[in-house]
Amino acid sequence: MSASKGDLATGTPTGPSNDHDHRQSSPSTSVSRGKRRRCEFKDSTSLPEPCTKRRHLDSSPPFPPVDKGLNTSQIAAVEHLPSPEVTNSSKGPHDAQDWHIRGWVQGTEGSKENNPEPPPIEPYPDPDPLSLSGMPPVKRKPSQESLGPASSYGDDLDSIASTDAKSNFYSSLAFPTLLEQHGVYMCDSASGLDKDELEFCQELLSISAPHPPNSVLDESTFLEFFELTRDKSEQWLVKNMHPHIFPAPELLALRGQDGFEDLVEGCNDSWVRAIFPSYGKCPQPDSTIAFKWNNFSREEIRKLGIVIGLPSKYLARDDMFFPFITGEAKCDKQGLHVADRQNIYSMSVALEGIIDLFRRAGRLETLNGKALGLSMSYDNETVKMFAHHVVIKTQKPNDQSRQQPTISALKYRTILDEVRLSAKQGGDRWKPYDFFYNACLKFSERHLQRIKEAIALLPSPGDPGEVFQPVPSQDEVEQEQVGDGVFKKPRNGGVAGELRKQLAVLERQLEEQKEEGKRREEESKRREDESRRRETALQAQLDRLLQLLETKSR
């Protein structure tokens, strides 16, 4: 703001003391105040009225008079100085300091001093504590570093959320009902596992595995370690307890043990390549065991219709095919039933891939009562082991309709054992280790053979040519790890990736349509043959009757 030259010449102050009187005589001048810049006004009458809430701070000292002997350059400098009445900070003792600066500029503008010394800068006074008494305390937002690095596979916020926040979806009272409405049951079926399957799972529990040396599960250290696990967080259990009960298959293979080199483990990784139901969320178990991609040939991958970088029912990550074991940990202050719910939801997503594969192969009925996955829920004291299976039900249509029978696959779980680590002075402490070791060694081999037999029944797709899959740049990866406040580049190549995804879906639908057409054609041909056979039989019977009539008439 600037004042008129006449006021400066006569030394009339432009402070709020004189401004109030002028403003009362001409209030219309304040209407156009908002159309000009904040630091400009034509005369002293357009100064804004002090806020009534800060009236107790307007007791600033009177403005010092301006020297009458100002030259032209000094007047021009004074015109561009901000008025103390219009500031972005509250009025107070620092207003006098502003006038010290004004006087320094007036006294040095146009002078011959090369290095004029400015007035001393005084610190601003602390705000009035009484005016801040009703304000809420400042809430500090945790930084990304304090939350830990996000998973390189996921752009989901669950990868950096707390464990309690992730469990809210599973701890809801409506969660079991939601699952049952979609064919997933948190109990055993009426028929249960097949007898052979149940005996096989019991062998996984009973057969002793080779135990590692110098383990915390040794008799000399287990009881002390068990006491150490009390009142520990879930992260502590996953870090210090999980490796001793459920060892990583890659590490077992690294130590020279055979049968584990074809498996891969994921630790708290989101299943970003899985196709999960719309009512749920992306699974993120504490531990996931799946098959490596090199267990399948290029022809088998083409039959499955898997395109690296695109979602599939057979993937958890790009390098994890057909997950079949999940593990969830909870501390002793959390309910172990939440871990059970997390496991059954994750396994329902994994079982959907097996169901889809056998449906395409025309062998869906063979999955009835078969153990297709395993899960473990544990805390510092209890370990629960489950087997997950499906029950195939065929719903026949009405006699009047010509629709095909509807085949549905209902998912159930069977509890195999519940081990209390402290029972019998730790006598069953190695039982979860033996079960997991045998599951990775024997169950995986049996499960992989079942999958490969189904893939062999799939038709060989035509050679569509290789599709280029762009590798995401470092900038794209970094932007995917940032929160919602930053624009994220489209994944999988943007529009091209979406087109490739739609193309893969259309190709799969075309294959299914061809299979359906072939099946209907074979069914029609079978019916025609049956009709011809019946017609031939009736004709032969008619001929015999005619012969009998002719014989009797003679």
Protein backbone atom coordinates (compact mmCIF):
# COMPACT_ATOMS: atom_id res chain seq x y z
CA MET A 1 0.00 0.00 0.00
CA SER A 2 1.05 3.58 -0.50
CA ALA A 3 -0.06 6.88 0.99
CA SER A 4 -0.46 10.23 -0.74
CA LYS A 5 2.53 12.47 -1.10
CA GLY A 6 0.81 15.24 0.76
CA ASP A 7 0.48 13.15 3.85
CA LEU A 8 4.12 12.21 3.70
CA ALA A 9 5.17 15.80 3.24
CA THR A 10 3.26 17.00 6.27
CA GLY A 11 4.33 14.04 8.35
CA THR A 12 0.80 12.72 8.86
CA PRO A 13 0.99 9.15 10.05
CA THR A 14 -0.87 6.50 8.11
CA GLY A 15 -1.44 4.16 11.06
CA PRO A 16 -4.71 2.75 12.30
CA SER A 17 -5.28 5.58 14.84
CA ASN A 18 -6.23 8.14 12.15
CA ASP A 19 -7.62 5.60 9.75
CA HIS A 20 -10.60 4.73 11.95
CA ASP A 21 -11.97 8.29 11.90
CA HIS A 22 -11.62 8.62 8.12
CA ARG A 23 -13.28 5.26 7.56
CA GLN A 24 -16.37 6.29 9.53
CA SER A 25 -16.87 9.36 7.33
CA SER A 26 -16.61 7.47 4.02
CA PRO A 27 -17.45 3.79 4.37
CA SER A 28 -18.10 3.35 0.65
CA THR A 29 -14.41 3.52 -0.13
CA SER A 30 -13.88 0.05 1.39
CA VAL A 31 -16.13 -1.64 -1.21
CA SER A 32 -13.52 -1.57 -3.94
CA ARG A 33 -10.75 -2.61 -1.58
CA GLY A 34 -10.97 -6.28 -2.59
CA LYS A 35 -10.44 -5.47 -6.29
CA ARG A 36 -6.99 -3.95 -5.71
CA ARG A 37 -3.81 -5.63 -4.61
CA ARG A 38 -3.48 -6.31 -0.93
CA CYS A 39 -0.56 -3.90 -0.50
CA GLU A 40 -2.02 -0.92 -2.39
CA PHE A 41 -4.67 1.68 -1.51
CA LYS A 42 -5.34 5.15 -2.85
CA ASP A 43 -5.79 7.01 0.41
CA SER A 44 -5.72 6.41 4.10
CA THR A 45 -9.49 6.01 4.25
CA SER A 46 -9.39 2.58 2.55
CA LEU A 47 -7.44 0.88 5.31
CA PRO A 48 -9.23 -2.25 6.61
CA GLU A 49 -10.82 -2.16 10.00
CA PRO A 50 -8.90 -4.09 12.67
CA CYS A 51 -10.42 -7.43 13.59
CA THR A 52 -12.45 -7.32 16.79
CA LYS A 53 -10.97 -10.64 17.91
CA ARG A 54 -7.49 -9.10 17.88
CA ARG A 55 -8.42 -5.73 19.34
CA HIS A 56 -6.34 -6.46 22.45
CA LEU A 57 -3.24 -6.69 20.21
CA ASP A 58 -3.81 -3.33 18.47
CA SER A 59 -2.11 -1.40 21.24
CA SER A 60 1.02 -0.85 19.16
CA PRO A 61 3.13 2.24 19.78
CA PRO A 62 2.28 5.36 17.77
CA PHE A 63 3.90 5.59 14.36
CA PRO A 64 6.95 7.79 14.25
CA PRO A 65 6.58 10.95 12.19
CA VAL A 66 8.16 11.02 8.78
CA ASP A 67 10.88 13.53 8.14
CA LYS A 68 9.68 16.45 6.01
CA GLY A 69 12.95 16.71 4.19
CA LEU A 70 12.47 13.67 1.95
CA ASN A 71 13.73 13.72 -1.61
CA THR A 72 11.97 12.21 -4.61
CA SER A 73 13.69 8.80 -4.44
CA GLN A 74 12.89 8.45 -0.74
CA ILE A 75 9.22 9.27 -1.37
CA ALA A 76 9.09 6.64 -4.12
CA ALA A 77 10.64 4.09 -1.78
CA VAL A 78 8.18 4.91 0.97
CA GLU A 79 5.24 4.53 -1.44
CA HIS A 80 6.21 0.89 -2.05
CA LEU A 81 6.59 0.02 1.62
CA PRO A 82 3.84 -2.19 3.08
CA SER A 83 1.57 -0.65 5.61
CA PRO A 84 1.74 -2.23 9.04
CA GLU A 85 -2.05 -2.45 8.96
CA VAL A 86 -2.08 -5.11 6.21
CA THR A 87 0.13 -8.05 7.16
CA ASN A 88 -0.11 -11.77 7.13
CA SER A 89 0.77 -12.03 10.81
CA SER A 90 -1.02 -10.77 13.88
CA LYS A 91 -0.31 -7.24 15.12
CA GLY A 92 1.85 -6.85 18.13
CA PRO A 93 5.16 -5.45 19.32
CA HIS A 94 6.79 -6.30 16.00
CA ASP A 95 4.82 -3.43 14.35
CA ALA A 96 7.29 -1.04 15.90
CA GLN A 97 10.06 -3.07 14.34
CA ASP A 98 8.38 -2.61 10.91
CA TRP A 99 8.56 1.14 11.38
CA HIS A 100 12.24 0.84 12.32
CA ILE A 101 12.75 -0.83 8.95
CA ARG A 102 10.67 1.92 7.26
CA GLY A 103 12.80 4.60 8.88
CA TRP A 104 15.98 2.81 7.86
CA VAL A 105 14.84 2.64 4.23
CA GLN A 106 13.83 6.31 4.27
CA GLY A 107 17.17 7.30 5.73
CA THR A 108 19.33 5.21 3.35
CA GLU A 109 17.43 5.36 0.05
CA GLY A 110 19.38 7.53 -2.35
CA SER A 111 22.25 8.04 0.08
CA LYS A 112 25.90 7.49 -0.80
CA GLU A 113 26.48 4.86 1.84
CA ASN A 114 27.70 1.66 0.32
CA ASN A 115 26.92 -0.65 3.19
CA PRO A 116 24.25 0.89 5.43
CA GLU A 117 23.71 -1.12 8.57
CA PRO A 118 20.11 -2.32 8.97
CA PRO A 119 18.39 -2.06 12.33
CA PRO A 120 18.74 -5.07 14.60
CA ILE A 121 16.24 -7.82 13.92
CA GLU A 122 14.35 -8.68 17.06
CA PRO A 123 12.70 -12.11 17.41
CA TYR A 124 8.95 -12.19 17.12
CA PRO A 125 7.23 -12.62 20.46
CA ASP A 126 5.56 -15.90 21.31
CA PRO A 127 1.82 -16.00 20.62
CA ASP A 128 -0.53 -15.35 23.44
CA PRO A 129 -1.04 -18.71 25.22
CA LEU A 130 -4.56 -17.69 26.17
CA SER A 131 -5.53 -17.34 22.52
CA LEU A 132 -4.26 -20.90 21.82
CA SER A 133 -5.88 -22.55 24.81
CA GLY A 134 -8.89 -23.85 22.87
CA MET A 135 -6.97 -25.16 19.86
CA PRO A 136 -6.50 -28.95 19.43
CA PRO A 137 -2.97 -30.36 19.70
CA VAL A 138 -0.99 -30.86 16.55
CA LYS A 139 -1.13 -34.47 15.37
CA ARG A 140 2.09 -35.70 13.87
CA LYS A 141 1.78 -37.76 10.71
CA PRO A 142 4.15 -40.73 10.55
CA SER A 143 6.58 -40.66 7.69
CA GLN A 144 6.95 -43.35 5.07
CA GLU A 145 10.29 -44.34 6.55
CA SER A 146 8.75 -45.01 9.94
CA LEU A 147 6.18 -47.29 8.37
CA GLY A 148 8.79 -49.32 6.52
CA PRO A 149 9.34 -49.78 2.80
CA ALA A 150 6.40 -50.87 0.71
CA SER A 151 6.46 -54.23 -1.01
CA SER A 152 7.92 -54.12 -4.50
CA TYR A 153 5.02 -56.21 -5.76
CA GLY A 154 2.12 -54.22 -4.42
CA ASP A 155 0.59 -50.79 -4.80
CA ASP A 156 -2.02 -51.64 -2.24
CA LEU A 157 -2.10 -49.50 0.95
CA ASP A 158 -2.35 -52.72 2.97
CA SER A 159 1.34 -53.33 2.35
CA ILE A 160 2.21 -50.43 4.69
CA ALA A 161 -0.81 -50.52 7.01
CA SER A 162 -0.77 -51.86 10.52
CA THR A 163 -1.74 -55.41 11.33
CA ASP A 164 -4.86 -54.29 13.16
CA ALA A 165 -6.01 -52.28 10.15
CA LYS A 166 -5.52 -55.28 7.87
CA SER A 167 -7.53 -57.47 10.23
CA ASN A 168 -10.58 -55.20 10.31
CA PHE A 169 -11.99 -56.83 7.18
CA TYR A 170 -11.62 -60.31 8.65
CA SER A 171 -12.74 -59.55 12.21
CA SER A 172 -16.17 -58.34 11.11
CA LEU A 173 -19.12 -60.30 12.47
CA ALA A 174 -20.58 -60.48 8.97
CA PHE A 175 -17.47 -62.07 7.47
CA PRO A 176 -18.59 -65.75 7.79
CA THR A 177 -21.99 -64.91 6.30
CA LEU A 178 -20.32 -63.08 3.43
CA LEU A 179 -18.17 -66.12 2.67
CA GLU A 180 -21.09 -68.55 2.84
CA GLN A 181 -23.04 -66.47 0.35
CA HIS A 182 -20.19 -67.09 -2.10
CA GLY A 183 -19.75 -70.80 -1.45
CA VAL A 184 -16.95 -70.66 1.16
CA TYR A 185 -17.58 -72.30 4.54
CA MET A 186 -15.46 -72.04 7.68
CA CYS A 187 -16.22 -75.60 8.71
CA ASP A 188 -15.91 -79.18 7.52
CA SER A 189 -18.32 -80.57 4.95
CA ALA A 190 -20.80 -83.32 5.72
CA SER A 191 -18.79 -85.83 3.69
CA GLY A 192 -15.40 -84.44 4.73
CA LEU A 193 -12.15 -85.37 3.08
CA ASP A 194 -11.85 -88.61 1.19
CA LYS A 195 -10.53 -91.46 3.28
CA ASP A 196 -7.29 -91.67 1.30
CA GLU A 197 -6.79 -87.91 1.49
CA LEU A 198 -7.35 -87.84 5.24
CA GLU A 199 -4.90 -90.69 5.80
CA PHE A 200 -2.33 -88.91 3.66
CA CYS A 201 -2.72 -85.69 5.67
CA GLN A 202 -2.39 -87.62 8.92
CA GLU A 203 0.87 -89.08 7.65
CA LEU A 204 2.18 -85.55 7.21
CA LEU A 205 1.66 -85.08 10.94
CA SER A 206 2.96 -88.43 12.12
CA ILE A 207 6.14 -88.86 10.05
CA SER A 208 9.15 -87.29 11.75
CA ALA A 209 11.29 -84.98 9.66
CA PRO A 210 15.04 -84.34 10.06
CA HIS A 211 15.41 -81.60 12.65
CA PRO A 212 18.02 -78.86 12.26
CA PRO A 213 20.82 -78.59 14.83
CA ASN A 214 21.11 -75.73 17.30
CA SER A 215 17.43 -74.84 17.04
CA VAL A 216 15.43 -72.93 19.64
CA LEU A 217 13.08 -75.93 19.63
CA ASP A 218 15.76 -78.08 21.23
CA GLU A 219 14.92 -79.42 24.65
CA SER A 220 17.59 -77.32 26.35
CA THR A 221 16.31 -73.98 25.07
CA PHE A 222 12.64 -74.41 24.16
CA LEU A 223 11.06 -73.57 27.52
CA GLU A 224 13.11 -70.40 27.84
CA PHE A 225 12.27 -69.46 24.26
CA PHE A 226 8.59 -70.11 24.93
CA GLU A 227 8.66 -67.71 27.90
CA LEU A 228 10.41 -65.18 25.70
CA THR A 229 7.53 -65.19 23.20
CA ARG A 230 5.02 -63.87 25.72
CA ASP A 231 3.69 -60.34 25.16
CA LYS A 232 5.50 -60.07 21.83
CA SER A 233 4.11 -58.43 18.72
CA GLU A 234 3.06 -60.24 15.59
CA GLN A 235 6.09 -58.90 13.73
CA TRP A 236 8.37 -60.35 16.40
CA LEU A 237 6.76 -63.77 16.06
CA VAL A 238 7.02 -63.71 12.26
CA LYS A 239 10.67 -62.71 12.45
CA ASN A 240 11.93 -64.92 15.29
CA MET A 241 9.45 -67.77 15.69
CA HIS A 242 8.21 -68.48 12.18
CA PRO A 243 11.56 -69.61 10.66
CA HIS A 244 12.01 -72.26 13.36
CA ILE A 245 8.52 -73.75 12.96
CA PHE A 246 7.97 -73.22 9.22
CA PRO A 247 11.39 -73.07 7.52
CA ALA A 248 11.76 -71.46 4.11
CA PRO A 249 11.92 -74.08 1.32
CA GLU A 250 14.61 -72.09 -0.49
CA LEU A 251 16.86 -72.26 2.56
CA LEU A 252 16.26 -75.98 2.94
CA ALA A 253 17.27 -76.45 -0.70
CA LEU A 254 20.30 -74.22 -0.10
CA ARG A 255 21.39 -76.53 2.71
CA GLY A 256 21.41 -79.47 0.32
CA GLN A 257 18.05 -81.08 1.07
CA ASP A 258 16.36 -82.50 -2.02
CA GLY A 259 12.77 -81.86 -3.05
CA PHE A 260 12.55 -78.17 -2.09
CA GLU A 261 14.21 -76.52 -5.09
CA ASP A 262 10.91 -76.22 -6.99
CA LEU A 263 9.15 -74.15 -4.30
CA VAL A 264 9.15 -70.44 -3.53
CA GLU A 265 8.05 -68.62 -0.39
CA GLY A 266 6.44 -65.20 -0.12
CA CYS A 267 6.58 -63.31 3.18
CA ASN A 268 3.75 -60.82 3.68
CA ASP A 269 3.53 -60.33 -0.09
CA SER A 270 0.28 -59.25 -1.70
CA TRP A 271 -1.11 -61.58 -4.34
CA VAL A 272 -1.07 -58.82 -6.91
CA ARG A 273 -1.44 -61.20 -9.87
CA ALA A 274 -4.34 -63.16 -8.38
CA ILE A 275 -7.94 -62.61 -9.41
CA PHE A 276 -9.76 -62.20 -6.12
CA PRO A 277 -13.55 -61.82 -5.72
CA SER A 278 -15.20 -58.44 -5.90
CA TYR A 279 -16.56 -58.71 -2.38
CA GLY A 280 -13.09 -59.20 -0.86
CA LYS A 281 -9.62 -57.75 -0.99
CA CYS A 282 -6.22 -58.78 -2.27
CA PRO A 283 -4.86 -61.66 -0.14
CA GLN A 284 -1.68 -60.92 1.78
CA PRO A 285 -0.73 -63.87 4.01
CA ASP A 286 2.21 -63.73 6.36
CA SER A 287 3.61 -66.74 4.50
CA THR A 288 2.81 -68.23 1.09
CA ILE A 289 4.26 -71.38 -0.48
CA ALA A 290 3.82 -71.85 -4.24
CA PHE A 291 5.51 -73.47 -7.23
CA LYS A 292 8.25 -71.73 -9.18
CA TRP A 293 7.50 -70.87 -12.76
CA ASN A 294 10.20 -73.22 -14.07
CA ASN A 295 8.11 -76.22 -12.95
CA PHE A 296 6.00 -75.67 -16.06
CA SER A 297 7.08 -75.83 -19.68
CA ARG A 298 6.40 -73.07 -22.15
CA GLU A 299 3.68 -75.18 -23.75
CA GLU A 300 1.97 -75.70 -20.40
CA ILE A 301 2.09 -71.97 -19.64
CA ARG A 302 0.53 -71.27 -23.04
CA LYS A 303 -2.21 -73.79 -22.35
CA LEU A 304 -2.95 -72.09 -19.06
CA GLY A 305 -3.16 -68.76 -20.86
CA ILE A 306 -0.75 -67.09 -18.43
CA VAL A 307 0.76 -63.81 -19.61
CA ILE A 308 3.44 -62.41 -17.33
CA GLY A 309 2.33 -59.04 -16.02
CA LEU A 310 -1.40 -59.79 -16.26
CA PRO A 311 -3.72 -61.17 -13.58
CA SER A 312 -4.53 -64.87 -13.64
CA LYS A 313 -6.41 -67.35 -11.47
CA TYR A 314 -3.29 -69.50 -11.36
CA LEU A 315 -0.86 -66.87 -10.00
CA ALA A 316 -0.14 -65.15 -6.71
CA ARG A 317 2.82 -63.19 -8.08
CA ASP A 318 4.55 -63.36 -11.43
CA ASP A 319 6.95 -65.98 -10.02
CA MET A 320 4.45 -67.88 -7.83
CA PHE A 321 2.25 -70.46 -9.59
CA PHE A 322 -0.64 -72.23 -7.84
CA PRO A 323 -0.14 -71.26 -4.16
CA PHE A 324 -1.07 -74.19 -1.92
CA ILE A 325 0.15 -73.31 1.61
CA THR A 326 -0.58 -70.16 3.61
CA GLY A 327 0.39 -69.17 7.14
CA GLU A 328 -0.92 -66.44 9.44
CA ALA A 329 0.52 -65.32 12.78
CA LYS A 330 -1.13 -63.48 15.65
CA CYS A 331 0.26 -62.27 18.95
CA ASP A 332 -1.24 -63.48 22.21
CA LYS A 333 -3.33 -60.30 22.53
CA GLN A 334 -5.14 -60.95 19.25
CA GLY A 335 -7.70 -63.59 18.42
CA LEU A 336 -6.41 -66.63 16.58
CA HIS A 337 -9.78 -66.90 14.83
CA VAL A 338 -8.83 -63.84 12.77
CA ALA A 339 -5.85 -65.75 11.40
CA ASP A 340 -8.18 -68.66 10.57
CA ARG A 341 -10.40 -66.30 8.59
CA GLN A 342 -7.45 -64.83 6.74
CA ASN A 343 -6.25 -68.30 5.79
CA ILE A 344 -9.60 -69.56 4.55
CA TYR A 345 -10.10 -66.46 2.43
CA SER A 346 -6.62 -66.72 0.89
CA MET A 347 -7.08 -70.42 0.21
CA SER A 348 -10.49 -69.82 -1.36
CA VAL A 349 -8.74 -67.59 -3.91
CA ALA A 350 -6.04 -70.23 -4.46
CA LEU A 351 -8.57 -73.07 -4.82
CA GLU A 352 -10.46 -71.09 -7.43
CA GLY A 353 -7.49 -71.54 -9.76
CA ILE A 354 -7.54 -75.33 -9.32
CA ILE A 355 -11.30 -75.41 -9.85
CA ASP A 356 -11.03 -73.35 -13.03
CA LEU A 357 -8.25 -75.58 -14.38
CA PHE A 358 -10.17 -78.82 -13.83
CA ARG A 359 -13.36 -77.29 -15.19
CA ARG A 360 -11.55 -76.45 -18.41
CA ALA A 361 -10.08 -79.96 -18.50
CA GLY A 362 -13.50 -81.56 -17.97
CA ARG A 363 -12.35 -83.26 -14.75
CA LEU A 364 -14.08 -81.10 -12.17
CA GLU A 365 -15.89 -84.04 -10.55
CA THR A 366 -12.57 -85.66 -9.68
CA LEU A 367 -11.79 -82.86 -7.19
CA ASN A 368 -14.63 -83.85 -4.88
CA GLY A 369 -13.20 -84.40 -1.39
CA LYS A 370 -9.57 -83.88 -2.42
CA ALA A 371 -7.14 -81.86 -0.28
CA LEU A 372 -6.12 -78.97 -2.53
CA GLY A 373 -4.38 -76.72 0.00
CA LEU A 374 -3.04 -76.45 3.54
CA SER A 375 -2.92 -73.60 6.04
CA MET A 376 -1.45 -72.87 9.47
CA SER A 377 -2.66 -70.38 12.06
CA TYR A 378 -0.44 -69.81 15.07
CA ASP A 379 0.44 -67.55 17.95
CA ASN A 380 3.08 -67.85 20.65
CA GLU A 381 1.34 -70.85 22.23
CA THR A 382 -0.96 -72.62 19.72
CA VAL A 383 -0.57 -73.89 16.16
CA LYS A 384 -3.62 -74.96 14.15
CA MET A 385 -3.31 -76.90 10.88
CA PHE A 386 -6.05 -77.19 8.26
CA ALA A 387 -6.68 -78.96 4.96
CA HIS A 388 -8.89 -77.24 2.38
CA HIS A 389 -11.08 -79.20 -0.02
CA VAL A 390 -14.05 -78.73 -2.33
CA VAL A 391 -17.39 -80.47 -2.68
CA ILE A 392 -18.80 -80.67 -6.20
CA LYS A 393 -22.56 -80.37 -6.50
CA THR A 394 -24.55 -80.77 -9.71
CA GLN A 395 -27.89 -79.02 -9.90
CA LYS A 396 -30.10 -80.47 -12.60
CA PRO A 397 -32.44 -78.07 -14.43
CA ASN A 398 -36.16 -78.52 -14.73
CA ASP A 399 -37.46 -81.18 -17.11
CA GLN A 400 -39.07 -78.57 -19.33
CA SER A 401 -35.91 -76.49 -19.80
CA ARG A 402 -33.13 -77.59 -22.09
CA GLN A 403 -30.35 -76.00 -20.06
CA GLN A 404 -27.21 -77.89 -19.11
CA PRO A 405 -26.78 -79.02 -15.50
CA THR A 406 -25.16 -76.41 -13.26
CA ILE A 407 -21.99 -77.59 -11.50
CA SER A 408 -20.88 -75.68 -8.41
CA ALA A 409 -17.80 -76.15 -6.23
CA LEU A 410 -18.24 -75.39 -2.53
CA LYS A 411 -15.10 -74.80 -0.48
CA TYR A 412 -14.61 -76.25 3.01
CA ARG A 413 -11.80 -76.80 5.49
CA THR A 414 -10.93 -79.70 7.77
CA ILE A 415 -8.89 -79.19 10.92
CA LEU A 416 -6.08 -81.73 11.04
CA ASP A 417 -4.56 -80.94 14.42
CA GLU A 418 -4.22 -78.24 17.06
CA VAL A 419 -0.93 -78.26 18.95
CA ARG A 420 -0.24 -76.45 22.21
CA LEU A 421 3.49 -75.87 22.26
CA SER A 422 3.72 -75.76 26.04
CA ALA A 423 1.74 -78.97 26.62
CA LYS A 424 3.59 -82.04 27.86
CA GLN A 425 6.62 -79.89 28.68
CA GLY A 426 6.94 -79.11 24.98
CA GLY A 427 6.59 -82.71 23.86
CA ASP A 428 4.71 -81.74 20.66
CA ARG A 429 6.88 -78.76 19.81
CA TRP A 430 8.30 -80.40 16.66
CA LYS A 431 4.91 -81.46 15.30
CA PRO A 432 4.20 -78.24 13.32
CA TYR A 433 7.73 -78.37 11.90
CA ASP A 434 7.27 -81.99 10.79
CA PHE A 435 3.91 -81.20 9.22
CA PHE A 436 5.23 -78.24 7.26
CA TYR A 437 8.38 -80.09 6.18
CA ASN A 438 6.41 -83.09 4.91
CA ALA A 439 3.83 -80.84 3.25
CA CYS A 440 6.52 -79.04 1.26
CA LEU A 441 8.19 -82.32 0.38
CA LYS A 442 5.32 -84.77 -0.23
CA PHE A 443 2.10 -82.80 -0.58
CA SER A 444 3.69 -80.46 -3.13
CA GLU A 445 4.80 -83.40 -5.30
CA ARG A 446 1.34 -84.95 -5.22
CA HIS A 447 -0.37 -81.61 -5.88
CA LEU A 448 1.94 -80.73 -8.78
CA GLN A 449 1.32 -84.09 -10.44
CA ARG A 450 -2.44 -83.53 -10.18
CA ILE A 451 -2.09 -80.10 -11.79
CA LYS A 452 0.08 -81.34 -14.65
CA GLU A 453 -2.37 -84.15 -15.44
CA ALA A 454 -5.14 -81.58 -15.81
CA ILE A 455 -2.98 -79.29 -17.97
CA ALA A 456 -2.24 -82.21 -20.31
CA LEU A 457 -5.97 -82.47 -21.05
CA LEU A 458 -6.21 -78.85 -22.17
CA PRO A 459 -6.21 -78.18 -25.92
CA SER A 460 -3.05 -76.76 -27.41
CA PRO A 461 -3.64 -73.14 -28.39
CA GLY A 462 -2.55 -71.79 -31.75
CA ASP A 463 0.68 -69.86 -31.97
CA PRO A 464 -0.48 -66.22 -31.79
CA GLY A 465 3.06 -64.89 -31.83
CA GLU A 466 4.93 -63.42 -28.96
CA VAL A 467 3.49 -60.33 -27.37
CA PHE A 468 5.96 -57.73 -26.18
CA GLN A 469 5.70 -57.05 -22.47
CA PRO A 470 7.27 -53.72 -21.49
CA VAL A 471 9.42 -53.76 -18.37
CA PRO A 472 8.36 -50.95 -15.99
CA SER A 473 10.94 -48.22 -15.53
CA GLN A 474 12.35 -47.17 -12.18
CA ASP A 475 10.18 -44.05 -12.20
CA GLU A 476 7.06 -46.16 -12.63
CA VAL A 477 8.13 -48.47 -9.82
CA GLU A 478 8.81 -45.53 -7.50
CA GLN A 479 5.50 -43.90 -8.34
CA GLU A 480 3.69 -47.15 -7.63
CA GLN A 481 5.23 -47.17 -4.16
CA VAL A 482 4.04 -43.63 -3.38
CA GLY A 483 0.71 -42.98 -1.71
CA ASP A 484 -2.53 -41.75 -3.21
CA GLY A 485 -1.39 -38.12 -3.35
CA VAL A 486 0.77 -38.69 -6.43
CA PHE A 487 -0.50 -39.56 -9.87
CA LYS A 488 0.42 -43.11 -10.77
CA LYS A 489 1.34 -44.10 -14.27
CA PRO A 490 -0.78 -46.87 -15.75
CA ARG A 491 0.66 -50.30 -15.15
CA ASN A 492 1.23 -52.98 -17.76
CA GLY A 493 1.82 -50.49 -20.54
CA GLY A 494 -1.28 -48.32 -20.05
CA VAL A 495 -3.87 -48.71 -22.81
CA ALA A 496 -1.79 -51.35 -24.59
CA GLY A 497 -1.72 -53.44 -21.42
CA GLU A 498 -5.49 -53.22 -21.05
CA LEU A 499 -5.93 -54.25 -24.67
CA ARG A 500 -3.64 -57.23 -24.17
CA LYS A 501 -5.61 -58.18 -21.09
CA GLN A 502 -8.89 -58.00 -22.99
CA LEU A 503 -7.34 -59.96 -25.85
CA ALA A 504 -6.24 -62.73 -23.49
CA VAL A 505 -9.74 -62.88 -21.99
CA LEU A 506 -11.33 -63.04 -25.43
CA GLU A 507 -8.96 -65.80 -26.53
CA ARG A 508 -9.81 -67.79 -23.43
CA GLN A 509 -13.52 -67.28 -24.00
CA LEU A 510 -13.09 -68.33 -27.63
CA GLU A 511 -11.35 -71.53 -26.56
CA GLU A 512 -14.08 -72.28 -24.07
CA GLN A 513 -16.71 -71.60 -26.72
CA LYS A 514 -14.96 -73.97 -29.13
CA GLU A 515 -14.82 -76.65 -26.46
CA GLU A 516 -18.48 -76.12 -25.69
CA GLY A 517 -19.32 -76.37 -29.40
CA LYS A 518 -17.35 -79.58 -29.76
CA ARG A 519 -19.03 -81.04 -26.71
CA ARG A 520 -22.48 -80.15 -27.99
CA GLU A 521 -21.63 -81.55 -31.42
CA GLU A 522 -20.48 -84.82 -29.87
CA GLU A 523 -23.62 -84.94 -27.75
CA SER A 524 -25.79 -84.32 -30.81
CA LYS A 525 -23.96 -87.00 -32.74
CA ARG A 526 -24.39 -89.44 -29.88
CA ARG A 527 -28.11 -88.74 -29.75
CA GLU A 528 -28.42 -89.25 -33.52
CA ASP A 529 -26.63 -92.58 -33.27
CA GLU A 530 -28.90 -93.61 -30.42
CA SER A 531 -31.94 -92.62 -32.42
CA ARG A 532 -30.77 -94.58 -35.44
CA ARG A 533 -30.06 -97.60 -33.28
CA ARG A 534 -33.53 -97.49 -31.80
CA GLU A 535 -35.06 -97.00 -35.23
CA THR A 536 -33.16 -100.02 -36.56
CA ALA A 537 -34.27 -102.13 -33.60
CA LEU A 538 -37.91 -101.12 -34.08
CA GLN A 539 -37.72 -101.84 -37.78
CA ALA A 540 -36.28 -105.30 -37.10
CA GLN A 541 -39.01 -106.00 -34.55
CA LEU A 542 -41.65 -104.88 -37.03
CA ASP A 543 -40.25 -107.18 -39.70
CA ARG A 544 -40.40 -110.12 -37.32
CA LEU A 545 -44.03 -109.41 -36.49
CA LEU A 546 -44.92 -109.24 -40.17
CA GLN A 547 -43.24 -112.55 -40.76
CA LEU A 548 -45.22 -114.11 -37.92
CA LEU A 549 -48.48 -112.79 -39.34
CA GLU A 550 -47.70 -114.16 -42.76
CA THR A 551 -46.81 -117.53 -41.25
CA LYS A 552 -50.08 -117.74 -39.32
CA SER A 553 -52.16 -116.67 -42.30
CA ARG A 554 -50.77 -119.51 -44.37
